[in-house]
C-alpha atoms as a PDB file:
ATOM      1  CA  MET A   1    -118.097  77.598  -7.783  1.00  0.00           C
ATOM      2  CA  LYS A   2    -116.046  80.802  -7.627  1.00  0.00           C
ATOM      3  CA  ASN A   3    -115.619  82.612 -10.886  1.00  0.00           C
ATOM      4  CA  PHE A   4    -112.207  84.264 -11.072  1.00  0.00           C
ATOM      5  CA  GLN A   5    -112.731  87.976 -11.578  1.00  0.00           C
ATOM      6  CA  ASN A   6    -109.255  88.954 -12.678  1.00  0.00           C
ATOM      7  CA  GLY A   7    -105.945  87.516 -13.766  1.00  0.00           C
ATOM      8  CA  GLN A   8    -104.202  88.402 -10.502  1.00  0.00           C
ATOM      9  CA  ASP A   9    -106.691  86.375  -8.459  1.00  0.00           C
ATOM     10  CA  PHE A  10    -106.295  83.429 -10.806  1.00  0.00           C
ATOM     11  CA  THR A  11    -102.491  83.657 -10.724  1.00  0.00           C
ATOM     12  CA  THR A  12    -102.514  83.694  -6.928  1.00  0.00           C
ATOM     13  CA  ARG A  13    -104.760  80.656  -6.781  1.00  0.00           C
ATOM     14  CA  LEU A  14    -102.755  78.892  -9.483  1.00  0.00           C
ATOM     15  CA  ASN A  15     -99.589  79.283  -7.423  1.00  0.00           C
ATOM     16  CA  LEU A  16    -101.396  77.997  -4.343  1.00  0.00           C
ATOM     17  CA  LEU A  17    -102.601  75.007  -6.355  1.00  0.00           C
ATOM     18  CA  LEU A  18     -99.124  74.167  -7.639  1.00  0.00           C
ATOM     19  CA  ASP A  19     -97.680  74.601  -4.139  1.00  0.00           C
ATOM     20  CA  ASN A  20    -100.326  72.218  -2.705  1.00  0.00           C
ATOM     21  CA  GLU A  21    -101.620  74.973  -0.427  1.00  0.00           C
ATOM     22  CA  LEU A  22    -105.335  74.812  -1.284  1.00  0.00           C
ATOM     23  CA  THR A  23    -107.938  72.963   0.728  1.00  0.00           C
ATOM     24  CA  PRO A  24    -109.339  69.888  -1.043  1.00  0.00           C
ATOM     25  CA  GLU A  25    -112.564  71.777  -1.799  1.00  0.00           C
ATOM     26  CA  MET A  26    -110.735  74.805  -3.207  1.00  0.00           C
ATOM     27  CA  GLU A  27    -108.510  72.508  -5.254  1.00  0.00           C
ATOM     28  CA  ARG A  28    -111.555  70.796  -6.788  1.00  0.00           C
ATOM     29  CA  GLU A  29    -113.087  74.181  -7.631  1.00  0.00           C
ATOM     30  CA  MET A  30    -109.833  75.411  -9.132  1.00  0.00           C
ATOM     31  CA  LEU A  31    -109.372  72.293 -11.264  1.00  0.00           C
ATOM     32  CA  ALA A  32    -112.971  72.533 -12.496  1.00  0.00           C
ATOM     33  CA  GLU A  33    -112.423  76.181 -13.442  1.00  0.00           C
ATOM     34  CA  ILE A  34    -109.202  75.293 -15.281  1.00  0.00           C
ATOM     35  CA  LYS A  35    -110.902  72.412 -17.072  1.00  0.00           C
ATOM     36  CA  SER A  36    -113.662  74.690 -18.344  1.00  0.00           C
ATOM     37  CA  ASN A  37    -111.397  77.514 -19.542  1.00  0.00           C
ATOM     38  CA  LYS A  38    -108.826  77.053 -22.310  1.00  0.00           C
ATOM     39  CA  LYS A  39    -106.872  80.168 -21.295  1.00  0.00           C
ATOM     40  CA  TYR A  40    -106.537  78.863 -17.727  1.00  0.00           C
ATOM     41  CA  ARG A  41    -105.317  75.485 -19.037  1.00  0.00           C
ATOM     42  CA  GLU A  42    -102.671  77.298 -21.083  1.00  0.00           C
ATOM     43  CA  LEU A  43    -101.587  79.369 -18.082  1.00  0.00           C
ATOM     44  CA  LEU A  44    -101.332  76.215 -15.964  1.00  0.00           C
ATOM     45  CA  SER A  45     -99.208  74.556 -18.620  1.00  0.00           C
ATOM     46  CA  GLN A  46     -96.944  77.604 -18.903  1.00  0.00           C
ATOM     47  CA  GLU A  47     -96.479  77.841 -15.155  1.00  0.00           C
ATOM     48  CA  LYS A  48     -95.670  74.131 -14.864  1.00  0.00           C
ATOM     49  CA  SER A  49     -93.162  74.439 -17.718  1.00  0.00           C
ATOM     50  CA  PHE A  50     -91.541  77.470 -16.116  1.00  0.00           C
ATOM     51  CA  ARG A  51     -91.231  75.711 -12.750  1.00  0.00           C
ATOM     52  CA  GLU A  52     -89.640  72.683 -14.404  1.00  0.00           C
ATOM     53  CA  PHE A  53     -87.232  74.963 -16.269  1.00  0.00           C
ATOM     54  CA  VAL A  54     -86.182  76.653 -13.039  1.00  0.00           C
ATOM     55  CA  LYS A  55     -85.801  73.324 -11.194  1.00  0.00           C
ATOM     56  CA  SER A  56     -83.611  71.945 -13.959  1.00  0.00           C
ATOM     57  CA  ARG A  57     -81.290  74.977 -13.755  1.00  0.00           C
ATOM     58  CA  ILE A  58     -80.827  75.111  -9.989  1.00  0.00           C
ATOM     59  CA  HIS A  59     -78.043  73.057  -8.487  1.00  0.00           C
ATOM     60  CA  ARG A  60     -78.197  72.959  -4.729  1.00  0.00           C
ATOM     61  CA  LYS A  61     -74.905  72.577  -2.990  1.00  0.00           C
ATOM     62  CA  LYS A  62     -74.625  70.122  -0.141  1.00  0.00           C
ATOM     63  CA  VAL A  63     -73.592  71.464   3.223  1.00  0.00           C
ATOM     64  CA  SER A  64     -71.477  69.544   5.655  1.00  0.00           C
ATOM     65  CA  PRO A  65     -73.165  67.798   8.584  1.00  0.00           C
ATOM     66  CA  SER A  66     -70.889  69.744  10.937  1.00  0.00           C
ATOM     67  CA  LEU A  67     -72.256  73.042   9.605  1.00  0.00           C
ATOM     68  CA  VAL A  68     -75.805  71.834  10.162  1.00  0.00           C
ATOM     69  CA  GLN A  69     -74.971  70.776  13.723  1.00  0.00           C
ATOM     70  CA  SER A  70     -73.235  74.094  14.395  1.00  0.00           C
ATOM     71  CA  ILE A  71     -76.290  76.057  13.269  1.00  0.00           C
ATOM     72  CA  LYS A  72     -78.612  73.865  15.328  1.00  0.00           C
ATOM     73  CA  ALA A  73     -76.403  74.303  18.386  1.00  0.00           C
ATOM     74  CA  LYS A  74     -76.412  78.091  17.994  1.00  0.00           C
ATOM     75  CA  ILE A  75     -80.192  78.140  17.623  1.00  0.00           C
ATOM     76  CA  HIS A  76     -80.605  75.929  20.657  1.00  0.00           C
ATOM     77  CA  SER A  77     -78.201  77.960  22.805  1.00  0.00           C
ATOM     78  CA  SER A  78     -79.754  81.307  21.814  1.00  0.00           C
ATOM     79  CA  GLY A  79     -83.204  79.931  22.607  1.00  0.00           C
ATOM     80  CA  SER A  80     -82.053  78.776  26.044  1.00  0.00           C
ATOM     81  CA  SER A  81     -80.480  82.116  26.944  1.00  0.00           C
ATOM     82  CA  GLU A  82     -83.780  83.926  26.354  1.00  0.00           C
ATOM     83  CA  LEU A  83     -85.523  81.921  29.080  1.00  0.00           C
END
């Protein structure tokens, strides 16, 4: 099992874990490391709390279907002109 050498490495892996970007094996290793280290458990809890705080404060505005279609049409037409 990998032992995290510094806080930056752990933070990077923690973000990958929370973003579901780790392989199953790396996820198992990460969770085992967190389980065995109180400081890592606290950091995980803080990061989860922060992410929930941010999510609760962001209000995404809906865009009109016509805007979506317009953007898709422009992408499609610019892709065709490059051929």
